[in-house]
Amino acid sequence: MAQLFPKEHVLGFIGSIVLTLVALSVIQFDLSLTAALVILWVTAIAQASLQLVLFMHIGETDDKKSIYVATIYSVVIGLVTVFGSLLAMIWGY
């Protein structure tokens, strides 16, 4: 029965909750803008990595290269979309 219990997934879920609470603590405490942004970026990257590894099973396949390439491609497309939108709508280009 112990083999059927998803211990890693439960620990990943608890880790996600803890990272979310740390990110929300930025609102509670009066932090400087730099400190708040550092905390938010670190927790966002940690939580995204945790989600990819534990819940999307990024490391459990034989063809890891294609999964990593697709993930990097998705991040690049997301960044181009966000910064392209900022460039066009806010910065006036």
Protein backbone atom coordinates (compact mmCIF):
# COMPACT_ATOMS: atom_id res chain seq x y z
CA MET A 1 0.00 0.00 0.00
CA ALA A 2 2.91 2.36 0.67
CA GLN A 3 3.96 2.01 -2.98
CA LEU A 4 0.60 3.37 -4.14
CA PHE A 5 0.74 6.54 -2.04
CA PRO A 6 2.06 9.48 -4.12
CA LYS A 7 4.48 10.84 -1.51
CA GLU A 8 6.39 13.02 -3.98
CA HIS A 9 3.20 14.60 -5.28
CA VAL A 10 1.94 15.39 -1.79
CA LEU A 11 5.29 16.95 -0.86
CA GLY A 12 5.23 18.91 -4.13
CA PHE A 13 1.75 20.17 -3.36
CA ILE A 14 2.82 21.25 0.13
CA GLY A 15 5.88 22.92 -1.39
CA SER A 16 3.66 24.80 -3.83
CA ILE A 17 1.46 26.01 -0.99
CA VAL A 18 4.51 27.16 0.99
CA LEU A 19 5.92 29.02 -2.03
CA THR A 20 2.54 30.68 -2.59
CA LEU A 21 2.42 31.79 1.06
CA VAL A 22 5.94 33.20 0.80
CA ALA A 23 4.93 35.15 -2.31
CA LEU A 24 1.80 36.43 -0.55
CA SER A 25 3.90 37.55 2.43
CA VAL A 26 5.24 40.32 0.20
CA ILE A 27 1.86 42.00 0.58
CA GLN A 28 1.76 41.55 4.35
CA PHE A 29 5.21 42.97 5.11
CA ASP A 30 6.27 46.45 4.10
CA LEU A 31 9.19 45.55 1.85
CA SER A 32 11.08 47.71 -0.57
CA LEU A 33 10.27 47.29 -4.24
CA THR A 34 13.58 45.56 -4.94
CA ALA A 35 13.17 43.05 -2.11
CA ALA A 36 9.58 42.33 -3.10
CA LEU A 37 10.51 41.74 -6.74
CA VAL A 38 13.40 39.45 -5.80
CA ILE A 39 11.13 37.37 -3.55
CA LEU A 40 8.42 37.18 -6.20
CA TRP A 41 10.83 36.18 -8.98
CA VAL A 42 12.57 33.53 -6.88
CA THR A 43 9.31 31.97 -5.72
CA ALA A 44 7.83 32.10 -9.23
CA ILE A 45 10.83 30.33 -10.78
CA ALA A 46 10.94 27.77 -7.96
CA GLN A 47 7.24 27.04 -8.26
CA ALA A 48 7.37 26.75 -12.05
CA SER A 49 10.27 24.32 -11.77
CA LEU A 50 8.45 22.32 -9.12
CA GLN A 51 5.33 22.11 -11.27
CA LEU A 52 7.29 21.02 -14.34
CA VAL A 53 9.27 18.33 -12.58
CA LEU A 54 6.65 16.85 -10.27
CA PHE A 55 3.31 17.34 -11.92
CA MET A 56 4.15 17.52 -15.62
CA HIS A 57 6.72 14.68 -15.32
CA ILE A 58 9.34 16.50 -17.34
CA GLY A 59 12.17 14.18 -16.27
CA GLU A 60 10.41 10.83 -16.53
CA THR A 61 10.61 10.16 -20.25
CA ASP A 62 13.34 8.71 -22.41
CA ASP A 63 13.23 11.62 -24.85
CA LYS A 64 14.20 14.39 -22.43
CA LYS A 65 15.80 16.57 -25.10
CA SER A 66 12.57 17.20 -26.99
CA ILE A 67 10.69 18.03 -23.79
CA TYR A 68 13.34 20.53 -22.70
CA VAL A 69 13.44 22.08 -26.18
CA ALA A 70 9.63 22.42 -26.20
CA THR A 71 9.69 23.97 -22.71
CA ILE A 72 12.38 26.48 -23.66
CA TYR A 73 10.50 27.28 -26.87
CA SER A 74 7.31 27.90 -24.89
CA VAL A 75 9.12 30.22 -22.48
CA VAL A 76 10.65 32.17 -25.38
CA ILE A 77 7.26 32.52 -27.11
CA GLY A 78 5.69 33.67 -23.83
CA LEU A 79 8.42 36.27 -23.25
CA VAL A 80 8.19 37.54 -26.82
CA THR A 81 4.41 37.87 -26.46
CA VAL A 82 4.62 39.72 -23.14
CA PHE A 83 7.43 42.08 -24.09
CA GLY A 84 6.03 42.58 -27.59
CA SER A 85 2.71 43.61 -26.05
CA LEU A 86 4.46 45.97 -23.65
CA LEU A 87 6.49 47.40 -26.51
CA ALA A 88 3.42 48.03 -28.64
CA MET A 89 0.86 49.12 -26.05
CA ILE A 90 2.77 50.90 -23.31
CA TRP A 91 6.09 52.03 -24.72
CA GLY A 92 4.50 53.30 -27.94
CA TYR A 93 6.51 51.56 -30.65
